[in-house]
Amino acid sequence: MNMTVTERAQEYIAQEGNVISVRIAKRLIPGCTATKTADLPAIQLGKPEDYEQADYEAVTIDGVKVYAHSSIINYNGQVPLRVDIETTLFGKQLAVYGMPIPTQSCGDCSLC
């Protein structure tokens, strides 16, 4: 697994218990006429639920305890993933950068 945690993300995570969980999840991407799914990174503060922990491996990256799901561990060792902070209208949240952007075409029209 090729992942880093930026300094500002490290500071934010440290304030919240210094533990995160990362996985790749299927997310809905709405289209013009059809709804598709894409593999996107999902990150949360804290460790996974007890019943999920068998699918996660605990590693320490840049001083942060990271519970990495098998989908992240097996993703692609050549592509560096970066945990950072993004600011939204509702405050700060963690984000994973470095994964390819899924195609946005629904395939049914020329607008996408």
PDB file of N, CA and C in Angstrom:
ATOM      1  N   MET A   1       0.853  -1.175   0.000  1.00  0.00           N
ATOM      2  CA  MET A   1       0.000   0.000   0.000  1.00  0.00           C
ATOM      3  C   MET A   1       0.890   1.226   0.000  1.00  0.00           C
ATOM      4  N   ASN A   2       0.640   2.123  -0.914  1.00  0.00           N
ATOM      5  CA  ASN A   2       1.431   3.329  -1.082  1.00  0.00           C
ATOM      6  C   ASN A   2       0.550   4.520  -0.688  1.00  0.00           C
ATOM      7  N   MET A   3       0.632   4.950   0.576  1.00  0.00           N
ATOM      8  CA  MET A   3      -0.237   6.010   1.089  1.00  0.00           C
ATOM      9  C   MET A   3       0.550   6.935   2.005  1.00  0.00           C
ATOM     10  N   THR A   4       0.240   8.227   1.928  1.00  0.00           N
ATOM     11  CA  THR A   4       0.808   9.212   2.840  1.00  0.00           C
ATOM     12  C   THR A   4      -0.319   9.993   3.494  1.00  0.00           C
ATOM     13  N   VAL A   5      -0.009  10.612   4.621  1.00  0.00           N
ATOM     14  CA  VAL A   5      -0.960  11.471   5.329  1.00  0.00           C
ATOM     15  C   VAL A   5      -0.293  12.833   5.471  1.00  0.00           C
ATOM     16  N   THR A   6      -0.917  13.880   4.931  1.00  0.00           N
ATOM     17  CA  THR A   6      -0.322  15.213   4.989  1.00  0.00           C
ATOM     18  C   THR A   6      -0.252  15.719   6.432  1.00  0.00           C
ATOM     19  N   GLU A   7       0.591  16.719   6.640  1.00  0.00           N
ATOM     20  CA  GLU A   7       0.749  17.267   7.997  1.00  0.00           C
ATOM     21  C   GLU A   7      -0.552  17.836   8.545  1.00  0.00           C
ATOM     22  N   ARG A   8      -1.281  18.569   7.727  1.00  0.00           N
ATOM     23  CA  ARG A   8      -2.525  19.163   8.239  1.00  0.00           C
ATOM     24  C   ARG A   8      -3.569  18.082   8.529  1.00  0.00           C
ATOM     25  N   ALA A   9      -3.567  17.005   7.752  1.00  0.00           N
ATOM     26  CA  ALA A   9      -4.470  15.886   8.041  1.00  0.00           C
ATOM     27  C   ALA A   9      -4.029  15.187   9.327  1.00  0.00           C
ATOM     28  N   GLN A  10      -2.723  15.048   9.537  1.00  0.00           N
ATOM     29  CA  GLN A  10      -2.210  14.442  10.763  1.00  0.00           C
ATOM     30  C   GLN A  10      -2.669  15.221  11.989  1.00  0.00           C
ATOM     31  N   GLU A  11      -2.604  16.552  11.914  1.00  0.00           N
ATOM     32  CA  GLU A  11      -3.032  17.398  13.036  1.00  0.00           C
ATOM     33  C   GLU A  11      -4.525  17.230  13.304  1.00  0.00           C
ATOM     34  N   TYR A  12      -5.324  17.217  12.263  1.00  0.00           N
ATOM     35  CA  TYR A  12      -6.775  17.062  12.398  1.00  0.00           C
ATOM     36  C   TYR A  12      -7.111  15.693  12.989  1.00  0.00           C
ATOM     37  N   ILE A  13      -6.481  14.644  12.471  1.00  0.00           N
ATOM     38  CA  ILE A  13      -6.737  13.284  12.945  1.00  0.00           C
ATOM     39  C   ILE A  13      -6.296  13.131  14.397  1.00  0.00           C
ATOM     40  N   ALA A  14      -5.182  13.752  14.768  1.00  0.00           N
ATOM     41  CA  ALA A  14      -4.685  13.676  16.150  1.00  0.00           C
ATOM     42  C   ALA A  14      -5.701  14.264  17.125  1.00  0.00           C
ATOM     43  N   GLN A  15      -6.401  15.315  16.722  1.00  0.00           N
ATOM     44  CA  GLN A  15      -7.418  15.930  17.578  1.00  0.00           C
ATOM     45  C   GLN A  15      -8.636  15.021  17.750  1.00  0.00           C
ATOM     46  N   GLU A  16      -8.799  14.068  16.840  1.00  0.00           N
ATOM     47  CA  GLU A  16      -9.983  13.209  16.839  1.00  0.00           C
ATOM     48  C   GLU A  16      -9.676  11.761  17.226  1.00  0.00           C
ATOM     49  N   GLY A  17      -8.535  11.518  17.855  1.00  0.00           N
ATOM     50  CA  GLY A  17      -8.220  10.173  18.332  1.00  0.00           C
ATOM     51  C   GLY A  17      -7.082   9.481  17.606  1.00  0.00           C
ATOM     52  N   ASN A  18      -6.558  10.084  16.542  1.00  0.00           N
ATOM     53  CA  ASN A  18      -5.391   9.598  15.809  1.00  0.00           C
ATOM     54  C   ASN A  18      -5.612   8.242  15.118  1.00  0.00           C
ATOM     55  N   VAL A  19      -6.861   7.933  14.750  1.00  0.00           N
ATOM     56  CA  VAL A  19      -7.184   6.681  14.072  1.00  0.00           C
ATOM     57  C   VAL A  19      -8.157   6.978  12.939  1.00  0.00           C
ATOM     58  N   ILE A  20      -7.891   6.375  11.753  1.00  0.00           N
ATOM     59  CA  ILE A  20      -8.814   6.498  10.629  1.00  0.00           C
ATOM     60  C   ILE A  20      -9.026   5.131   9.991  1.00  0.00           C
ATOM     61  N   SER A  21     -10.107   5.010   9.233  1.00  0.00           N
ATOM     62  CA  SER A  21     -10.409   3.814   8.450  1.00  0.00           C
ATOM     63  C   SER A  21     -10.567   4.232   7.001  1.00  0.00           C
ATOM     64  N   VAL A  22      -9.946   3.478   6.098  1.00  0.00           N
ATOM     65  CA  VAL A  22      -9.973   3.804   4.673  1.00  0.00           C
ATOM     66  C   VAL A  22     -10.374   2.558   3.892  1.00  0.00           C
ATOM     67  N   ARG A  23     -11.255   2.753   2.907  1.00  0.00           N
ATOM     68  CA  ARG A  23     -11.661   1.656   2.038  1.00  0.00           C
ATOM     69  C   ARG A  23     -12.103   2.227   0.703  1.00  0.00           C
ATOM     70  N   ILE A  24     -12.288   1.359  -0.263  1.00  0.00           N
ATOM     71  CA  ILE A  24     -12.859   1.755  -1.544  1.00  0.00           C
ATOM     72  C   ILE A  24     -14.304   1.273  -1.536  1.00  0.00           C
ATOM     73  N   ALA A  25     -15.216   2.192  -1.812  1.00  0.00           N
ATOM     74  CA  ALA A  25     -16.637   1.879  -1.748  1.00  0.00           C
ATOM     75  C   ALA A  25     -17.306   2.174  -3.086  1.00  0.00           C
ATOM     76  N   LYS A  26     -18.358   1.466  -3.356  1.00  0.00           N
ATOM     77  CA  LYS A  26     -19.186   1.740  -4.538  1.00  0.00           C
ATOM     78  C   LYS A  26     -20.075   2.931  -4.214  1.00  0.00           C
ATOM     79  N   ARG A  27     -20.032   3.949  -5.043  1.00  0.00           N
ATOM     80  CA  ARG A  27     -20.865   5.142  -4.872  1.00  0.00           C
ATOM     81  C   ARG A  27     -21.727   5.337  -6.107  1.00  0.00           C
ATOM     82  N   LEU A  28     -22.924   5.822  -5.889  1.00  0.00           N
ATOM     83  CA  LEU A  28     -23.828   6.101  -7.005  1.00  0.00           C
ATOM     84  C   LEU A  28     -23.401   7.367  -7.728  1.00  0.00           C
ATOM     85  N   ILE A  29     -23.397   7.301  -9.050  1.00  0.00           N
ATOM     86  CA  ILE A  29     -23.135   8.466  -9.886  1.00  0.00           C
ATOM     87  C   ILE A  29     -24.360   8.639 -10.772  1.00  0.00           C
ATOM     88  N   PRO A  30     -25.154   9.671 -10.521  1.00  0.00           N
ATOM     89  CA  PRO A  30     -26.363   9.842 -11.328  1.00  0.00           C
ATOM     90  C   PRO A  30     -26.018  10.256 -12.753  1.00  0.00           C
ATOM     91  N   GLY A  31     -26.799   9.785 -13.680  1.00  0.00           N
ATOM     92  CA  GLY A  31     -26.637  10.148 -15.081  1.00  0.00           C
ATOM     93  C   GLY A  31     -27.922  10.740 -15.607  1.00  0.00           C
ATOM     94  N   CYS A  32     -27.952  10.987 -16.897  1.00  0.00           N
ATOM     95  CA  CYS A  32     -29.147  11.572 -17.519  1.00  0.00           C
ATOM     96  C   CYS A  32     -30.334  10.623 -17.436  1.00  0.00           C
ATOM     97  N   THR A  33     -30.097   9.352 -17.758  1.00  0.00           N
ATOM     98  CA  THR A  33     -31.201   8.401 -17.768  1.00  0.00           C
ATOM     99  C   THR A  33     -30.922   7.171 -16.923  1.00  0.00           C
ATOM    100  N   ALA A  34     -29.685   6.977 -16.548  1.00  0.00           N
ATOM    101  CA  ALA A  34     -29.331   5.775 -15.790  1.00  0.00           C
ATOM    102  C   ALA A  34     -28.417   6.144 -14.624  1.00  0.00           C
ATOM    103  N   THR A  35     -28.478   5.364 -13.581  1.00  0.00           N
ATOM    104  CA  THR A  35     -27.601   5.567 -12.447  1.00  0.00           C
ATOM    105  C   THR A  35     -26.532   4.489 -12.490  1.00  0.00           C
ATOM    106  N   LYS A  36     -25.289   4.913 -12.387  1.00  0.00           N
ATOM    107  CA  LYS A  36     -24.165   3.990 -12.428  1.00  0.00           C
ATOM    108  C   LYS A  36     -23.442   4.050 -11.094  1.00  0.00           C
ATOM    109  N   THR A  37     -22.522   3.125 -10.877  1.00  0.00           N
ATOM    110  CA  THR A  37     -21.697   3.146  -9.680  1.00  0.00           C
ATOM    111  C   THR A  37     -20.231   3.283 -10.090  1.00  0.00           C
ATOM    112  N   ALA A  38     -19.450   3.796  -9.149  1.00  0.00           N
ATOM    113  CA  ALA A  38     -18.014   3.941  -9.369  1.00  0.00           C
ATOM    114  C   ALA A  38     -17.301   3.617  -8.068  1.00  0.00           C
ATOM    115  N   ASP A  39     -16.074   3.131  -8.179  1.00  0.00           N
ATOM    116  CA  ASP A  39     -15.248   2.864  -7.009  1.00  0.00           C
ATOM    117  C   ASP A  39     -14.579   4.156  -6.579  1.00  0.00           C
ATOM    118  N   LEU A  40     -14.913   4.622  -5.379  1.00  0.00           N
ATOM    119  CA  LEU A  40     -14.344   5.846  -4.841  1.00  0.00           C
ATOM    120  C   LEU A  40     -13.840   5.589  -3.425  1.00  0.00           C
ATOM    121  N   PRO A  41     -12.805   6.315  -3.011  1.00  0.00           N
ATOM    122  CA  PRO A  41     -12.302   6.120  -1.652  1.00  0.00           C
ATOM    123  C   PRO A  41     -13.277   6.659  -0.619  1.00  0.00           C
ATOM    124  N   ALA A  42     -13.381   5.947   0.483  1.00  0.00           N
ATOM    125  CA  ALA A  42     -14.200   6.381   1.619  1.00  0.00           C
ATOM    126  C   ALA A  42     -13.288   6.382   2.838  1.00  0.00           C
ATOM    127  N   ILE A  43     -13.367   7.437   3.615  1.00  0.00           N
ATOM    128  CA  ILE A  43     -12.508   7.579   4.783  1.00  0.00           C
ATOM    129  C   ILE A  43     -13.353   8.061   5.948  1.00  0.00           C
ATOM    130  N   GLN A  44     -13.057   7.547   7.128  1.00  0.00           N
ATOM    131  CA  GLN A  44     -13.786   7.980   8.319  1.00  0.00           C
ATOM    132  C   GLN A  44     -12.827   8.029   9.491  1.00  0.00           C
ATOM    133  N   LEU A  45     -13.151   8.857  10.445  1.00  0.00           N
ATOM    134  CA  LEU A  45     -12.391   8.908  11.687  1.00  0.00           C
ATOM    135  C   LEU A  45     -12.735   7.688  12.525  1.00  0.00           C
ATOM    136  N   GLY A  46     -11.756   7.145  13.208  1.00  0.00           N
ATOM    137  CA  GLY A  46     -11.989   6.012  14.080  1.00  0.00           C
ATOM    138  C   GLY A  46     -11.757   4.688  13.384  1.00  0.00           C
ATOM    139  N   LYS A  47     -11.880   3.635  14.172  1.00  0.00           N
ATOM    140  CA  LYS A  47     -11.670   2.294  13.624  1.00  0.00           C
ATOM    141  C   LYS A  47     -12.987   1.725  13.120  1.00  0.00           C
ATOM    142  N   PRO A  48     -12.900   0.693  12.285  1.00  0.00           N
ATOM    143  CA  PRO A  48     -14.128   0.077  11.780  1.00  0.00           C
ATOM    144  C   PRO A  48     -14.885  -0.638  12.897  1.00  0.00           C
ATOM    145  N   GLU A  49     -16.139  -0.941  12.629  1.00  0.00           N
ATOM    146  CA  GLU A  49     -16.948  -1.685  13.592  1.00  0.00           C
ATOM    147  C   GLU A  49     -16.311  -3.046  13.850  1.00  0.00           C
ATOM    148  N   ASP A  50     -16.548  -3.616  15.023  1.00  0.00           N
ATOM    149  CA  ASP A  50     -15.948  -4.897  15.396  1.00  0.00           C
ATOM    150  C   ASP A  50     -16.234  -5.997  14.382  1.00  0.00           C
ATOM    151  N   TYR A  51     -17.459  -6.050  13.864  1.00  0.00           N
ATOM    152  CA  TYR A  51     -17.810  -7.105  12.925  1.00  0.00           C
ATOM    153  C   TYR A  51     -17.122  -6.941  11.567  1.00  0.00           C
ATOM    154  N   GLU A  52     -16.544  -5.753  11.274  1.00  0.00           N
ATOM    155  CA  GLU A  52     -15.868  -5.505  10.003  1.00  0.00           C
ATOM    156  C   GLU A  52     -14.354  -5.682  10.090  1.00  0.00           C
ATOM    157  N   GLN A  53     -13.807  -5.747  11.287  1.00  0.00           N
ATOM    158  CA  GLN A  53     -12.358  -5.666  11.457  1.00  0.00           C
ATOM    159  C   GLN A  53     -11.577  -6.784  10.787  1.00  0.00           C
ATOM    160  N   ALA A  54     -12.194  -7.920  10.510  1.00  0.00           N
ATOM    161  CA  ALA A  54     -11.480  -9.012   9.832  1.00  0.00           C
ATOM    162  C   ALA A  54     -11.045  -8.604   8.422  1.00  0.00           C
ATOM    163  N   ASP A  55     -11.738  -7.639   7.821  1.00  0.00           N
ATOM    164  CA  ASP A  55     -11.412  -7.187   6.465  1.00  0.00           C
ATOM    165  C   ASP A  55     -10.405  -6.048   6.444  1.00  0.00           C
ATOM    166  N   TYR A  56      -9.940  -5.615   7.603  1.00  0.00           N
ATOM    167  CA  TYR A  56      -9.029  -4.475   7.708  1.00  0.00           C
ATOM    168  C   TYR A  56      -7.688  -4.897   8.285  1.00  0.00           C
ATOM    169  N   GLU A  57      -6.658  -4.175   7.888  1.00  0.00           N
ATOM    170  CA  GLU A  57      -5.318  -4.364   8.438  1.00  0.00           C
ATOM    171  C   GLU A  57      -4.904  -3.036   9.076  1.00  0.00           C
ATOM    172  N   ALA A  58      -4.436  -3.087  10.307  1.00  0.00           N
ATOM    173  CA  ALA A  58      -4.003  -1.874  11.003  1.00  0.00           C
ATOM    174  C   ALA A  58      -2.531  -1.624  10.701  1.00  0.00           C
ATOM    175  N   VAL A  59      -2.236  -0.440  10.166  1.00  0.00           N
ATOM    176  CA  VAL A  59      -0.866  -0.023   9.879  1.00  0.00           C
ATOM    177  C   VAL A  59      -0.691   1.402  10.382  1.00  0.00           C
ATOM    178  N   THR A  60       0.527   1.784  10.647  1.00  0.00           N
ATOM    179  CA  THR A  60       0.817   3.158  11.042  1.00  0.00           C
ATOM    180  C   THR A  60       1.491   3.857   9.864  1.00  0.00           C
ATOM    181  N   ILE A  61       0.891   4.951   9.434  1.00  0.00           N
ATOM    182  CA  ILE A  61       1.410   5.735   8.314  1.00  0.00           C
ATOM    183  C   ILE A  61       1.567   7.169   8.787  1.00  0.00           C
ATOM    184  N   ASP A  62       2.769   7.676   8.720  1.00  0.00           N
ATOM    185  CA  ASP A  62       3.068   9.056   9.115  1.00  0.00           C
ATOM    186  C   ASP A  62       2.514   9.382  10.497  1.00  0.00           C
ATOM    187  N   GLY A  63       2.622   8.444  11.428  1.00  0.00           N
ATOM    188  CA  GLY A  63       2.194   8.668  12.803  1.00  0.00           C
ATOM    189  C   GLY A  63       0.708   8.482  13.058  1.00  0.00           C
ATOM    190  N   VAL A  64      -0.054   8.087  12.049  1.00  0.00           N
ATOM    191  CA  VAL A  64      -1.497   7.891  12.179  1.00  0.00           C
ATOM    192  C   VAL A  64      -1.795   6.393  12.081  1.00  0.00           C
ATOM    193  N   LYS A  65      -2.629   5.885  12.997  1.00  0.00           N
ATOM    194  CA  LYS A  65      -3.049   4.490  12.903  1.00  0.00           C
ATOM    195  C   LYS A  65      -4.147   4.417  11.843  1.00  0.00           C
ATOM    196  N   VAL A  66      -3.859   3.669  10.776  1.00  0.00           N
ATOM    197  CA  VAL A  66      -4.767   3.555   9.643  1.00  0.00           C
ATOM    198  C   VAL A  66      -5.281   2.122   9.572  1.00  0.00           C
ATOM    199  N   TYR A  67      -6.599   1.981   9.637  1.00  0.00           N
ATOM    200  CA  TYR A  67      -7.226   0.690   9.380  1.00  0.00           C
ATOM    201  C   TYR A  67      -7.517   0.671   7.880  1.00  0.00           C
ATOM    202  N   ALA A  68      -6.752  -0.116   7.148  1.00  0.00           N
ATOM    203  CA  ALA A  68      -6.866  -0.163   5.696  1.00  0.00           C
ATOM    204  C   ALA A  68      -7.632  -1.412   5.289  1.00  0.00           C
ATOM    205  N   HIS A  69      -8.717  -1.208   4.598  1.00  0.00           N
ATOM    206  CA  HIS A  69      -9.540  -2.309   4.088  1.00  0.00           C
ATOM    207  C   HIS A  69      -8.763  -3.043   2.994  1.00  0.00           C
ATOM    208  N   SER A  70      -9.071  -4.289   2.778  1.00  0.00           N
ATOM    209  CA  SER A  70      -8.380  -5.074   1.751  1.00  0.00           C
ATOM    210  C   SER A  70      -8.522  -4.437   0.371  1.00  0.00           C
ATOM    211  N   SER A  71      -9.594  -3.688   0.131  1.00  0.00           N
ATOM    212  CA  SER A  71      -9.771  -3.019  -1.162  1.00  0.00           C
ATOM    213  C   SER A  71      -8.724  -1.927  -1.382  1.00  0.00           C
ATOM    214  N   ILE A  72      -8.247  -1.300  -0.311  1.00  0.00           N
ATOM    215  CA  ILE A  72      -7.192  -0.289  -0.415  1.00  0.00           C
ATOM    216  C   ILE A  72      -5.823  -0.968  -0.495  1.00  0.00           C
ATOM    217  N   ILE A  73      -5.611  -1.965   0.340  1.00  0.00           N
ATOM    218  CA  ILE A  73      -4.320  -2.650   0.362  1.00  0.00           C
ATOM    219  C   ILE A  73      -4.024  -3.263  -0.995  1.00  0.00           C
ATOM    220  N   ASN A  74      -5.032  -3.845  -1.619  1.00  0.00           N
ATOM    221  CA  ASN A  74      -4.850  -4.509  -2.902  1.00  0.00           C
ATOM    222  C   ASN A  74      -5.109  -3.595  -4.094  1.00  0.00           C
ATOM    223  N   TYR A  75      -5.327  -2.296  -3.849  1.00  0.00           N
ATOM    224  CA  TYR A  75      -5.716  -1.390  -4.931  1.00  0.00           C
ATOM    225  C   TYR A  75      -4.657  -1.313  -6.027  1.00  0.00           C
ATOM    226  N   ASN A  76      -3.520  -0.706  -5.713  1.00  0.00           N
ATOM    227  CA  ASN A  76      -2.465  -0.535  -6.704  1.00  0.00           C
ATOM    228  C   ASN A  76      -1.265   0.064  -5.999  1.00  0.00           C
ATOM    229  N   GLY A  77      -0.239  -0.721  -5.778  1.00  0.00           N
ATOM    230  CA  GLY A  77       0.938  -0.251  -5.054  1.00  0.00           C
ATOM    231  C   GLY A  77       1.738   0.811  -5.782  1.00  0.00           C
ATOM    232  N   GLN A  78       1.493   0.998  -7.072  1.00  0.00           N
ATOM    233  CA  GLN A  78       2.240   1.976  -7.856  1.00  0.00           C
ATOM    234  C   GLN A  78       1.639   3.377  -7.771  1.00  0.00           C
ATOM    235  N   VAL A  79       0.353   3.465  -7.464  1.00  0.00           N
ATOM    236  CA  VAL A  79      -0.331   4.762  -7.424  1.00  0.00           C
ATOM    237  C   VAL A  79      -0.304   5.285  -5.992  1.00  0.00           C
ATOM    238  N   PRO A  80       0.379   6.412  -5.750  1.00  0.00           N
ATOM    239  CA  PRO A  80       0.409   6.949  -4.384  1.00  0.00           C
ATOM    240  C   PRO A  80      -0.937   7.576  -4.008  1.00  0.00           C
ATOM    241  N   LEU A  81      -1.467   7.170  -2.871  1.00  0.00           N
ATOM    242  CA  LEU A  81      -2.702   7.757  -2.346  1.00  0.00           C
ATOM    243  C   LEU A  81      -2.324   8.720  -1.239  1.00  0.00           C
ATOM    244  N   ARG A  82      -3.042   9.833  -1.138  1.00  0.00           N
ATOM    245  CA  ARG A  82      -2.718  10.861  -0.158  1.00  0.00           C
ATOM    246  C   ARG A  82      -3.966  11.210   0.640  1.00  0.00           C
ATOM    247  N   VAL A  83      -3.864  11.096   1.976  1.00  0.00           N
ATOM    248  CA  VAL A  83      -4.949  11.514   2.863  1.00  0.00           C
ATOM    249  C   VAL A  83      -4.710  12.982   3.188  1.00  0.00           C
ATOM    250  N   ASP A  84      -5.715  13.803   2.967  1.00  0.00           N
ATOM    251  CA  ASP A  84      -5.592  15.239   3.207  1.00  0.00           C
ATOM    252  C   ASP A  84      -6.926  15.773   3.720  1.00  0.00           C
ATOM    253  N   ILE A  85      -6.961  17.057   3.974  1.00  0.00           N
ATOM    254  CA  ILE A  85      -8.162  17.753   4.435  1.00  0.00           C
ATOM    255  C   ILE A  85      -8.746  18.529   3.270  1.00  0.00           C
ATOM    256  N   GLU A  86     -10.057  18.476   3.136  1.00  0.00           N
ATOM    257  CA  GLU A  86     -10.731  19.366   2.198  1.00  0.00           C
ATOM    258  C   GLU A  86     -11.744  20.183   2.984  1.00  0.00           C
ATOM    259  N   THR A  87     -11.937  21.407   2.553  1.00  0.00           N
ATOM    260  CA  THR A  87     -12.855  22.304   3.228  1.00  0.00           C
ATOM    261  C   THR A  87     -14.131  22.415   2.413  1.00  0.00           C
ATOM    262  N   THR A  88     -15.253  22.237   3.092  1.00  0.00           N
ATOM    263  CA  THR A  88     -16.552  22.348   2.442  1.00  0.00           C
ATOM    264  C   THR A  88     -17.337  23.468   3.114  1.00  0.00           C
ATOM    265  N   LEU A  89     -18.548  23.678   2.672  1.00  0.00           N
ATOM    266  CA  LEU A  89     -19.408  24.679   3.312  1.00  0.00           C
ATOM    267  C   LEU A  89     -19.710  24.314   4.760  1.00  0.00           C
ATOM    268  N   PHE A  90     -19.594  23.038   5.084  1.00  0.00           N
ATOM    269  CA  PHE A  90     -19.947  22.566   6.418  1.00  0.00           C
ATOM    270  C   PHE A  90     -18.746  22.357   7.319  1.00  0.00           C
ATOM    271  N   GLY A  91     -17.560  22.708   6.862  1.00  0.00           N
ATOM    272  CA  GLY A  91     -16.353  22.562   7.672  1.00  0.00           C
ATOM    273  C   GLY A  91     -15.315  21.708   6.980  1.00  0.00           C
ATOM    274  N   LYS A  92     -14.466  21.092   7.781  1.00  0.00           N
ATOM    275  CA  LYS A  92     -13.389  20.260   7.253  1.00  0.00           C
ATOM    276  C   LYS A  92     -13.810  18.797   7.224  1.00  0.00           C
ATOM    277  N   GLN A  93     -13.238  18.073   6.263  1.00  0.00           N
ATOM    278  CA  GLN A  93     -13.427  16.637   6.218  1.00  0.00           C
ATOM    279  C   GLN A  93     -12.198  16.011   5.585  1.00  0.00           C
ATOM    280  N   LEU A  94     -11.985  14.743   5.881  1.00  0.00           N
ATOM    281  CA  LEU A  94     -10.862  14.020   5.319  1.00  0.00           C
ATOM    282  C   LEU A  94     -11.202  13.554   3.913  1.00  0.00           C
ATOM    283  N   ALA A  95     -10.174  13.460   3.072  1.00  0.00           N
ATOM    284  CA  ALA A  95     -10.354  12.989   1.704  1.00  0.00           C
ATOM    285  C   ALA A  95      -9.119  12.206   1.294  1.00  0.00           C
ATOM    286  N   VAL A  96      -9.310  11.279   0.360  1.00  0.00           N
ATOM    287  CA  VAL A  96      -8.205  10.509  -0.207  1.00  0.00           C
ATOM    288  C   VAL A  96      -8.048  10.942  -1.654  1.00  0.00           C
ATOM    289  N   TYR A  97      -6.844  11.349  -2.006  1.00  0.00           N
ATOM    290  CA  TYR A  97      -6.549  11.793  -3.367  1.00  0.00           C
ATOM    291  C   TYR A  97      -5.584  10.818  -4.024  1.00  0.00           C
ATOM    292  N   GLY A  98      -5.649  10.737  -5.346  1.00  0.00           N
ATOM    293  CA  GLY A  98      -4.714   9.915  -6.097  1.00  0.00           C
ATOM    294  C   GLY A  98      -5.365   8.805  -6.883  1.00  0.00           C
ATOM    295  N   MET A  99      -6.648   8.569  -6.639  1.00  0.00           N
ATOM    296  CA  MET A  99      -7.338   7.534  -7.408  1.00  0.00           C
ATOM    297  C   MET A  99      -7.804   8.133  -8.722  1.00  0.00           C
ATOM    298  N   PRO A 100      -7.858   7.318  -9.765  1.00  0.00           N
ATOM    299  CA  PRO A 100      -8.323   7.850 -11.048  1.00  0.00           C
ATOM    300  C   PRO A 100      -9.773   8.309 -10.950  1.00  0.00           C
ATOM    301  N   ILE A 101     -10.102   9.346 -11.696  1.00  0.00           N
ATOM    302  CA  ILE A 101     -11.463   9.879 -11.710  1.00  0.00           C
ATOM    303  C   ILE A 101     -12.325   8.956 -12.554  1.00  0.00           C
ATOM    304  N   PRO A 102     -13.441   8.470 -11.999  1.00  0.00           N
ATOM    305  CA  PRO A 102     -14.295   7.579 -12.790  1.00  0.00           C
ATOM    306  C   PRO A 102     -14.946   8.332 -13.937  1.00  0.00           C
ATOM    307  N   THR A 103     -15.231   7.626 -15.007  1.00  0.00           N
ATOM    308  CA  THR A 103     -15.887   8.258 -16.145  1.00  0.00           C
ATOM    309  C   THR A 103     -17.279   8.710 -15.731  1.00  0.00           C
ATOM    310  N   GLN A 104     -17.705   9.829 -16.256  1.00  0.00           N
ATOM    311  CA  GLN A 104     -18.984  10.415 -15.889  1.00  0.00           C
ATOM    312  C   GLN A 104     -20.059  10.199 -16.946  1.00  0.00           C
ATOM    313  N   SER A 105     -19.752   9.498 -18.000  1.00  0.00           N
ATOM    314  CA  SER A 105     -20.703   9.316 -19.076  1.00  0.00           C
ATOM    315  C   SER A 105     -21.735   8.256 -18.714  1.00  0.00           C
ATOM    316  N   CYS A 106     -22.998   8.585 -18.925  1.00  0.00           N
ATOM    317  CA  CYS A 106     -24.049   7.587 -18.699  1.00  0.00           C
ATOM    318  C   CYS A 106     -24.223   6.713 -19.925  1.00  0.00           C
ATOM    319  N   GLY A 107     -23.661   7.147 -21.072  1.00  0.00           N
ATOM    320  CA  GLY A 107     -23.695   6.348 -22.281  1.00  0.00           C
ATOM    321  C   GLY A 107     -24.956   6.463 -23.094  1.00  0.00           C
ATOM    322  N   ASP A 108     -25.947   7.209 -22.605  1.00  0.00           N
ATOM    323  CA  ASP A 108     -27.234   7.273 -23.291  1.00  0.00           C
ATOM    324  C   ASP A 108     -27.491   8.588 -24.008  1.00  0.00           C
ATOM    325  N   CYS A 109     -26.609   9.564 -23.840  1.00  0.00           N
ATOM    326  CA  CYS A 109     -26.850  10.850 -24.486  1.00  0.00           C
ATOM    327  C   CYS A 109     -25.516  11.499 -24.820  1.00  0.00           C
ATOM    328  N   SER A 110     -25.578  12.669 -25.421  1.00  0.00           N
ATOM    329  CA  SER A 110     -24.345  13.377 -25.775  1.00  0.00           C
ATOM    330  C   SER A 110     -24.058  14.516 -24.801  1.00  0.00           C
ATOM    331  N   LEU A 111     -24.833  14.638 -23.725  1.00  0.00           N
ATOM    332  CA  LEU A 111     -24.642  15.737 -22.790  1.00  0.00           C
ATOM    333  C   LEU A 111     -23.532  15.472 -21.768  1.00  0.00           C
ATOM    334  N   CYS A 112     -23.240  14.221 -21.502  1.00  0.00           N
ATOM    335  CA  CYS A 112     -22.263  13.869 -20.473  1.00  0.00           C
ATOM    336  C   CYS A 112     -20.834  14.025 -20.958  1.00  0.00           C
TER     337      CYS A 112
END
